[in-house]
Amino acid sequence: MIYHLTDPATWAASLAAGEHTGSTRGVTLAEEGFIHCSTAEQWRGVVERFYADASDLLLLHVDESRLTAPLVYEQLGDAPEPFPHVYGPIPVAAVVQVEPLR
C-alpha cells in the first residue's frame, strides 16, 4: 500500500475523470511528471512538512498492485529515504480507501 495526499475538490474531479492526476499540492502530473506518494511510515511527516496549513485534506490509500503506470521509489534531494512516485495517472479503482484527515 502507498499513500497520496490531496484535497476534496481535486479528488472529486478525479472521481469524475476516472483517474487521479494531481501530483502534489497545486501541481499536476503533467507539470511534475509523476505523482508524489508516501509509504505508511512517511505520510505523517509529509503532512507536517507540506500540508500543516491545509484545512481540508484527504489521504488516499492506493493499492499498488492496481496501478497501470510505473511505480518507482526514488531518492530526492536531502530526503532521508526514497519515496514512491507514480509515473502516470492513478486509476480511481486503485484507491481502496479515502481517509479524511481534517
N, C-alpha and C. Protein backbone atom coordinates (compact mmCIF):
# COMPACT_ATOMS: atom_id res chain seq x y z
N MET A 1 0.85 -1.17 0.00
CA MET A 1 0.00 0.00 0.00
C MET A 1 0.90 1.24 0.00
N ILE A 2 0.53 2.20 -0.85
CA ILE A 2 1.18 3.51 -0.83
C ILE A 2 0.10 4.54 -0.57
N TYR A 3 0.50 5.76 -0.25
CA TYR A 3 -0.45 6.78 0.17
C TYR A 3 -0.19 8.08 -0.59
N HIS A 4 -1.30 8.79 -0.85
CA HIS A 4 -1.20 10.06 -1.56
C HIS A 4 -2.12 11.07 -0.89
N LEU A 5 -1.64 12.28 -0.73
CA LEU A 5 -2.41 13.36 -0.11
C LEU A 5 -3.01 14.24 -1.19
N THR A 6 -4.26 14.62 -1.00
CA THR A 6 -4.93 15.51 -1.94
C THR A 6 -6.04 16.26 -1.21
N ASP A 7 -6.70 17.14 -1.93
CA ASP A 7 -7.81 17.90 -1.35
C ASP A 7 -9.13 17.37 -1.93
N PRO A 8 -10.24 17.64 -1.26
CA PRO A 8 -11.53 17.12 -1.72
C PRO A 8 -11.92 17.54 -3.14
N ALA A 9 -11.64 18.77 -3.53
CA ALA A 9 -12.02 19.24 -4.88
C ALA A 9 -11.25 18.47 -5.95
N THR A 10 -9.96 18.28 -5.73
CA THR A 10 -9.15 17.54 -6.70
C THR A 10 -9.61 16.09 -6.77
N TRP A 11 -9.93 15.49 -5.63
CA TRP A 11 -10.40 14.11 -5.62
C TRP A 11 -11.76 13.99 -6.31
N ALA A 12 -12.64 14.95 -6.12
CA ALA A 12 -13.93 14.93 -6.80
C ALA A 12 -13.75 14.96 -8.32
N ALA A 13 -12.83 15.79 -8.79
CA ALA A 13 -12.54 15.84 -10.23
C ALA A 13 -11.95 14.52 -10.71
N SER A 14 -11.14 13.90 -9.89
CA SER A 14 -10.55 12.60 -10.24
C SER A 14 -11.63 11.53 -10.36
N LEU A 15 -12.57 11.53 -9.44
CA LEU A 15 -13.67 10.57 -9.50
C LEU A 15 -14.47 10.73 -10.79
N ALA A 16 -14.71 11.96 -11.17
CA ALA A 16 -15.45 12.22 -12.41
C ALA A 16 -14.67 11.78 -13.64
N ALA A 17 -13.34 11.93 -13.59
CA ALA A 17 -12.49 11.58 -14.73
C ALA A 17 -12.13 10.10 -14.77
N GLY A 18 -12.23 9.43 -13.62
CA GLY A 18 -11.87 8.02 -13.55
C GLY A 18 -10.41 7.78 -13.23
N GLU A 19 -9.64 8.86 -13.08
CA GLU A 19 -8.23 8.74 -12.73
C GLU A 19 -7.77 10.00 -12.01
N HIS A 20 -6.77 9.81 -11.17
CA HIS A 20 -6.23 10.92 -10.39
C HIS A 20 -4.93 11.41 -11.04
N THR A 21 -4.86 12.72 -11.29
CA THR A 21 -3.68 13.29 -11.94
C THR A 21 -3.08 14.46 -11.14
N GLY A 22 -3.44 14.57 -9.87
CA GLY A 22 -2.82 15.57 -9.02
C GLY A 22 -1.50 15.01 -8.51
N SER A 23 -0.42 15.76 -8.66
CA SER A 23 0.89 15.26 -8.23
C SER A 23 1.15 15.59 -6.77
N THR A 24 1.05 16.86 -6.46
CA THR A 24 1.23 17.35 -5.10
C THR A 24 0.44 18.65 -4.99
N ARG A 25 0.50 19.28 -3.90
CA ARG A 25 -0.30 20.46 -3.63
C ARG A 25 -0.14 21.52 -4.72
N GLY A 26 -1.22 21.74 -5.51
CA GLY A 26 -1.22 22.75 -6.55
C GLY A 26 -0.44 22.41 -7.80
N VAL A 27 0.03 21.17 -7.92
CA VAL A 27 0.85 20.76 -9.07
C VAL A 27 0.24 19.49 -9.66
N THR A 28 0.13 19.47 -10.98
CA THR A 28 -0.46 18.32 -11.66
C THR A 28 0.61 17.33 -12.12
N LEU A 29 0.16 16.15 -12.49
CA LEU A 29 1.03 15.14 -13.08
C LEU A 29 1.72 15.69 -14.33
N ALA A 30 0.97 16.41 -15.16
CA ALA A 30 1.54 16.97 -16.40
C ALA A 30 2.67 17.95 -16.09
N GLU A 31 2.55 18.69 -15.00
CA GLU A 31 3.58 19.67 -14.63
C GLU A 31 4.80 19.01 -13.97
N GLU A 32 4.57 18.00 -13.13
CA GLU A 32 5.65 17.40 -12.35
C GLU A 32 6.28 16.18 -13.04
N GLY A 33 5.47 15.45 -13.81
CA GLY A 33 5.97 14.26 -14.48
C GLY A 33 5.72 12.97 -13.72
N PHE A 34 5.31 13.08 -12.48
CA PHE A 34 4.96 11.92 -11.66
C PHE A 34 4.05 12.38 -10.53
N ILE A 35 3.45 11.42 -9.83
CA ILE A 35 2.58 11.71 -8.69
C ILE A 35 3.34 11.35 -7.42
N HIS A 36 3.49 12.33 -6.54
CA HIS A 36 4.15 12.10 -5.25
C HIS A 36 3.30 11.20 -4.37
N CYS A 37 3.91 10.18 -3.80
CA CYS A 37 3.24 9.30 -2.85
C CYS A 37 4.17 9.07 -1.67
N SER A 38 3.67 8.36 -0.68
CA SER A 38 4.43 8.07 0.53
C SER A 38 4.16 6.64 0.97
N THR A 39 5.04 6.14 1.82
CA THR A 39 4.81 4.86 2.47
C THR A 39 3.99 5.10 3.74
N ALA A 40 3.61 4.02 4.41
CA ALA A 40 2.87 4.16 5.66
C ALA A 40 3.68 4.91 6.71
N GLU A 41 4.99 4.75 6.67
CA GLU A 41 5.86 5.43 7.64
C GLU A 41 6.13 6.89 7.27
N GLN A 42 5.92 7.27 6.03
CA GLN A 42 6.31 8.61 5.56
C GLN A 42 5.19 9.64 5.55
N TRP A 43 3.95 9.25 5.35
CA TRP A 43 2.91 10.23 5.04
C TRP A 43 2.67 11.24 6.16
N ARG A 44 2.80 10.84 7.40
CA ARG A 44 2.58 11.79 8.51
C ARG A 44 3.61 12.92 8.47
N GLY A 45 4.85 12.60 8.18
CA GLY A 45 5.88 13.62 8.06
C GLY A 45 5.63 14.56 6.89
N VAL A 46 5.10 14.02 5.80
CA VAL A 46 4.76 14.85 4.64
C VAL A 46 3.64 15.83 5.01
N VAL A 47 2.66 15.35 5.76
CA VAL A 47 1.58 16.23 6.22
C VAL A 47 2.17 17.36 7.06
N GLU A 48 3.04 17.03 7.98
CA GLU A 48 3.64 18.05 8.86
C GLU A 48 4.47 19.06 8.08
N ARG A 49 5.25 18.60 7.10
CA ARG A 49 6.16 19.48 6.37
C ARG A 49 5.48 20.32 5.29
N PHE A 50 4.51 19.73 4.59
CA PHE A 50 3.98 20.40 3.40
C PHE A 50 2.49 20.75 3.46
N TYR A 51 1.76 20.20 4.42
CA TYR A 51 0.31 20.42 4.47
C TYR A 51 -0.16 20.91 5.84
N ALA A 52 0.73 21.44 6.65
CA ALA A 52 0.38 21.85 8.01
C ALA A 52 -0.75 22.87 8.03
N ASP A 53 -0.83 23.72 7.02
CA ASP A 53 -1.86 24.76 6.99
C ASP A 53 -3.10 24.37 6.19
N ALA A 54 -3.15 23.14 5.69
CA ALA A 54 -4.31 22.70 4.88
C ALA A 54 -5.49 22.38 5.78
N SER A 55 -6.63 22.95 5.46
CA SER A 55 -7.82 22.71 6.28
C SER A 55 -8.59 21.48 5.83
N ASP A 56 -8.61 21.20 4.54
CA ASP A 56 -9.28 20.01 4.00
C ASP A 56 -8.23 19.13 3.36
N LEU A 57 -8.07 17.94 3.89
CA LEU A 57 -7.03 17.05 3.39
C LEU A 57 -7.54 15.62 3.41
N LEU A 58 -7.26 14.91 2.33
CA LEU A 58 -7.63 13.50 2.22
C LEU A 58 -6.37 12.67 2.04
N LEU A 59 -6.38 11.50 2.65
CA LEU A 59 -5.31 10.53 2.47
C LEU A 59 -5.87 9.39 1.62
N LEU A 60 -5.33 9.25 0.41
CA LEU A 60 -5.75 8.16 -0.47
C LEU A 60 -4.89 6.95 -0.19
N HIS A 61 -5.52 5.82 0.07
CA HIS A 61 -4.83 4.54 0.25
C HIS A 61 -4.83 3.88 -1.12
N VAL A 62 -3.66 3.72 -1.70
CA VAL A 62 -3.53 3.23 -3.08
C VAL A 62 -2.94 1.82 -3.07
N ASP A 63 -3.68 0.88 -3.64
CA ASP A 63 -3.20 -0.49 -3.80
C ASP A 63 -2.27 -0.51 -5.00
N GLU A 64 -0.98 -0.62 -4.74
CA GLU A 64 0.00 -0.53 -5.83
C GLU A 64 -0.15 -1.65 -6.85
N SER A 65 -0.78 -2.76 -6.49
CA SER A 65 -0.98 -3.84 -7.46
C SER A 65 -2.02 -3.47 -8.51
N ARG A 66 -2.79 -2.43 -8.25
CA ARG A 66 -3.83 -1.98 -9.19
C ARG A 66 -3.38 -0.82 -10.08
N LEU A 67 -2.15 -0.37 -9.91
CA LEU A 67 -1.65 0.72 -10.74
C LEU A 67 -1.42 0.24 -12.17
N THR A 68 -1.62 1.14 -13.11
CA THR A 68 -1.36 0.83 -14.52
C THR A 68 -0.12 1.57 -15.02
N ALA A 69 0.40 2.47 -14.21
CA ALA A 69 1.61 3.23 -14.55
C ALA A 69 2.76 2.75 -13.67
N PRO A 70 3.99 2.98 -14.10
CA PRO A 70 5.14 2.54 -13.30
C PRO A 70 5.21 3.22 -11.94
N LEU A 71 5.57 2.42 -10.94
CA LEU A 71 5.82 2.91 -9.58
C LEU A 71 7.31 2.79 -9.34
N VAL A 72 7.94 3.92 -8.99
CA VAL A 72 9.39 3.95 -8.80
C VAL A 72 9.68 4.59 -7.44
N TYR A 73 10.53 3.94 -6.65
CA TYR A 73 10.98 4.52 -5.39
C TYR A 73 12.25 5.31 -5.70
N GLU A 74 12.21 6.62 -5.37
CA GLU A 74 13.32 7.49 -5.74
C GLU A 74 13.77 8.35 -4.57
N GLN A 75 15.05 8.58 -4.54
CA GLN A 75 15.66 9.48 -3.56
C GLN A 75 15.66 10.88 -4.17
N LEU A 76 15.04 11.83 -3.50
CA LEU A 76 15.01 13.21 -3.99
C LEU A 76 15.65 14.13 -2.97
N GLY A 77 16.52 14.99 -3.45
CA GLY A 77 17.12 15.99 -2.58
C GLY A 77 17.77 15.39 -1.35
N ASP A 78 17.51 16.00 -0.20
CA ASP A 78 18.10 15.52 1.04
C ASP A 78 17.14 14.67 1.85
N ALA A 79 16.13 14.11 1.21
CA ALA A 79 15.18 13.23 1.90
C ALA A 79 15.95 12.06 2.53
N PRO A 80 15.56 11.65 3.72
CA PRO A 80 16.30 10.58 4.39
C PRO A 80 16.10 9.19 3.76
N GLU A 81 15.09 9.05 2.91
CA GLU A 81 14.80 7.76 2.31
C GLU A 81 14.07 7.95 0.99
N PRO A 82 14.04 6.94 0.15
CA PRO A 82 13.32 7.05 -1.13
C PRO A 82 11.81 7.14 -0.91
N PHE A 83 11.15 7.87 -1.80
CA PHE A 83 9.70 8.00 -1.78
C PHE A 83 9.12 7.33 -3.03
N PRO A 84 7.91 6.76 -2.93
CA PRO A 84 7.28 6.18 -4.11
C PRO A 84 6.69 7.26 -5.00
N HIS A 85 6.94 7.15 -6.30
CA HIS A 85 6.39 8.06 -7.30
C HIS A 85 5.70 7.24 -8.38
N VAL A 86 4.52 7.69 -8.78
CA VAL A 86 3.76 7.01 -9.83
C VAL A 86 3.92 7.82 -11.11
N TYR A 87 4.45 7.19 -12.15
CA TYR A 87 4.73 7.87 -13.41
C TYR A 87 3.57 7.73 -14.39
N GLY A 88 2.43 8.22 -13.97
CA GLY A 88 1.22 8.22 -14.78
C GLY A 88 0.03 8.41 -13.86
N PRO A 89 -1.16 8.46 -14.43
CA PRO A 89 -2.36 8.64 -13.61
C PRO A 89 -2.60 7.46 -12.67
N ILE A 90 -3.24 7.73 -11.56
CA ILE A 90 -3.67 6.68 -10.64
C ILE A 90 -5.14 6.39 -10.93
N PRO A 91 -5.49 5.18 -11.39
CA PRO A 91 -6.90 4.86 -11.62
C PRO A 91 -7.67 4.93 -10.30
N VAL A 92 -8.89 5.46 -10.33
CA VAL A 92 -9.66 5.54 -9.09
C VAL A 92 -9.90 4.15 -8.52
N ALA A 93 -9.91 3.12 -9.35
CA ALA A 93 -10.08 1.75 -8.87
C ALA A 93 -8.90 1.28 -8.03
N ALA A 94 -7.76 1.95 -8.13
CA ALA A 94 -6.59 1.60 -7.33
C ALA A 94 -6.67 2.19 -5.92
N VAL A 95 -7.57 3.15 -5.73
CA VAL A 95 -7.73 3.80 -4.43
C VAL A 95 -8.75 2.99 -3.63
N VAL A 96 -8.26 2.29 -2.62
CA VAL A 96 -9.12 1.37 -1.87
C VAL A 96 -9.73 2.00 -0.63
N GLN A 97 -9.23 3.16 -0.23
CA GLN A 97 -9.80 3.88 0.91
C GLN A 97 -9.46 5.35 0.78
N VAL A 98 -10.42 6.20 1.14
CA VAL A 98 -10.21 7.64 1.19
C VAL A 98 -10.45 8.06 2.64
N GLU A 99 -9.40 8.53 3.27
CA GLU A 99 -9.46 8.86 4.69
C GLU A 99 -9.37 10.38 4.88
N PRO A 100 -10.43 11.00 5.40
CA PRO A 100 -10.34 12.44 5.70
C PRO A 100 -9.40 12.66 6.88
N LEU A 101 -8.45 13.57 6.72
CA LEU A 101 -7.52 13.87 7.80
C LEU A 101 -7.94 15.11 8.57
N ARG A 102 -8.63 16.02 7.90
CA ARG A 102 -9.08 17.26 8.55
C ARG A 102 -10.44 17.64 8.01
